[in-house]
Amino acid sequence: MNKVYILETEYQSFCVACIKCIGM
């Protein structure tokens, strides 16, 4: 469960970074 949670949070952070770079 912990590994899955970490992967999900890292993926979300990665997506947010991409959106900020591309969108803004």
PDB file of N, CA and C in Angstrom:
ATOM      1  N   MET A   1       0.841  -1.204   0.000  1.00  0.00           N
ATOM      2  CA  MET A   1       0.000   0.000   0.000  1.00  0.00           C
ATOM      3  C   MET A   1       0.875   1.252   0.000  1.00  0.00           C
ATOM      4  N   ASN A   2       1.931   1.241   0.805  1.00  0.00           N
ATOM      5  CA  ASN A   2       2.789   2.426   0.885  1.00  0.00           C
ATOM      6  C   ASN A   2       3.447   2.719  -0.462  1.00  0.00           C
ATOM      7  N   LYS A   3       3.927   1.661  -1.121  1.00  0.00           N
ATOM      8  CA  LYS A   3       4.591   1.861  -2.417  1.00  0.00           C
ATOM      9  C   LYS A   3       3.606   2.432  -3.427  1.00  0.00           C
ATOM     10  N   VAL A   4       2.387   1.905  -3.422  1.00  0.00           N
ATOM     11  CA  VAL A   4       1.376   2.391  -4.364  1.00  0.00           C
ATOM     12  C   VAL A   4       1.069   3.853  -4.083  1.00  0.00           C
ATOM     13  N   TYR A   5       0.949   4.193  -2.806  1.00  0.00           N
ATOM     14  CA  TYR A   5       0.634   5.574  -2.427  1.00  0.00           C
ATOM     15  C   TYR A   5       1.747   6.509  -2.877  1.00  0.00           C
ATOM     16  N   ILE A   6       3.002   6.092  -2.679  1.00  0.00           N
ATOM     17  CA  ILE A   6       4.142   6.924  -3.073  1.00  0.00           C
ATOM     18  C   ILE A   6       4.149   7.120  -4.591  1.00  0.00           C
ATOM     19  N   LEU A   7       3.907   6.045  -5.331  1.00  0.00           N
ATOM     20  CA  LEU A   7       3.896   6.149  -6.790  1.00  0.00           C
ATOM     21  C   LEU A   7       2.795   7.100  -7.241  1.00  0.00           C
ATOM     22  N   GLU A   8       1.628   7.028  -6.611  1.00  0.00           N
ATOM     23  CA  GLU A   8       0.511   7.890  -6.997  1.00  0.00           C
ATOM     24  C   GLU A   8       0.836   9.349  -6.708  1.00  0.00           C
ATOM     25  N   THR A   9       1.425   9.622  -5.533  1.00  0.00           N
ATOM     26  CA  THR A   9       1.726  11.010  -5.175  1.00  0.00           C
ATOM     27  C   THR A   9       2.815  11.562  -6.087  1.00  0.00           C
ATOM     28  N   GLU A  10       3.809  10.734  -6.425  1.00  0.00           N
ATOM     29  CA  GLU A  10       4.879  11.188  -7.316  1.00  0.00           C
ATOM     30  C   GLU A  10       4.310  11.463  -8.706  1.00  0.00           C
ATOM     31  N   TYR A  11       3.407  10.614  -9.161  1.00  0.00           N
ATOM     32  CA  TYR A  11       2.793  10.784 -10.484  1.00  0.00           C
ATOM     33  C   TYR A  11       1.971  12.071 -10.519  1.00  0.00           C
ATOM     34  N   GLN A  12       1.214  12.330  -9.436  1.00  0.00           N
ATOM     35  CA  GLN A  12       0.405  13.546  -9.370  1.00  0.00           C
ATOM     36  C   GLN A  12       1.299  14.779  -9.387  1.00  0.00           C
ATOM     37  N   SER A  13       2.410  14.744  -8.642  1.00  0.00           N
ATOM     38  CA  SER A  13       3.332  15.881  -8.605  1.00  0.00           C
ATOM     39  C   SER A  13       3.922  16.101  -9.992  1.00  0.00           C
ATOM     40  N   PHE A  14       4.234  15.001 -10.692  1.00  0.00           N
ATOM     41  CA  PHE A  14       4.792  15.080 -12.044  1.00  0.00           C
ATOM     42  C   PHE A  14       3.780  15.718 -12.990  1.00  0.00           C
ATOM     43  N   CYS A  15       2.533  15.314 -12.891  1.00  0.00           N
ATOM     44  CA  CYS A  15       1.483  15.867 -13.757  1.00  0.00           C
ATOM     45  C   CYS A  15       1.308  17.356 -13.487  1.00  0.00           C
ATOM     46  N   VAL A  16       1.297  17.754 -12.231  1.00  0.00           N
ATOM     47  CA  VAL A  16       1.130  19.164 -11.866  1.00  0.00           C
ATOM     48  C   VAL A  16       2.279  19.983 -12.435  1.00  0.00           C
ATOM     49  N   ALA A  17       3.500  19.455 -12.352  1.00  0.00           N
ATOM     50  CA  ALA A  17       4.666  20.164 -12.885  1.00  0.00           C
ATOM     51  C   ALA A  17       4.525  20.342 -14.392  1.00  0.00           C
ATOM     52  N   CYS A  18       4.060  19.294 -15.089  1.00  0.00           N
ATOM     53  CA  CYS A  18       3.893  19.381 -16.544  1.00  0.00           C
ATOM     54  C   CYS A  18       2.833  20.411 -16.899  1.00  0.00           C
ATOM     55  N   ILE A  19       1.723  20.401 -16.166  1.00  0.00           N
ATOM     56  CA  ILE A  19       0.632  21.343 -16.432  1.00  0.00           C
ATOM     57  C   ILE A  19       1.120  22.774 -16.232  1.00  0.00           C
ATOM     58  N   LYS A  20       1.912  23.009 -15.189  1.00  0.00           N
ATOM     59  CA  LYS A  20       2.418  24.353 -14.924  1.00  0.00           C
ATOM     60  C   LYS A  20       3.345  24.805 -16.048  1.00  0.00           C
ATOM     61  N   CYS A  21       4.226  23.874 -16.503  1.00  0.00           N
ATOM     62  CA  CYS A  21       5.184  24.239 -17.562  1.00  0.00           C
ATOM     63  C   CYS A  21       4.472  24.476 -18.888  1.00  0.00           C
ATOM     64  N   ILE A  22       3.551  23.603 -19.245  1.00  0.00           N
ATOM     65  CA  ILE A  22       2.874  23.694 -20.544  1.00  0.00           C
ATOM     66  C   ILE A  22       1.767  24.758 -20.510  1.00  0.00           C
ATOM     67  N   GLY A  23       0.972  24.749 -19.433  1.00  0.00           N
ATOM     68  CA  GLY A  23      -0.157  25.674 -19.342  1.00  0.00           C
ATOM     69  C   GLY A  23       0.289  27.105 -19.068  1.00  0.00           C
ATOM     70  N   MET A  24       1.350  27.248 -18.283  1.00  0.00           N
ATOM     71  CA  MET A  24       1.823  28.590 -17.939  1.00  0.00           C
ATOM     72  C   MET A  24       3.240  28.763 -18.466  1.00  0.00           C
TER      73      MET A  24
END
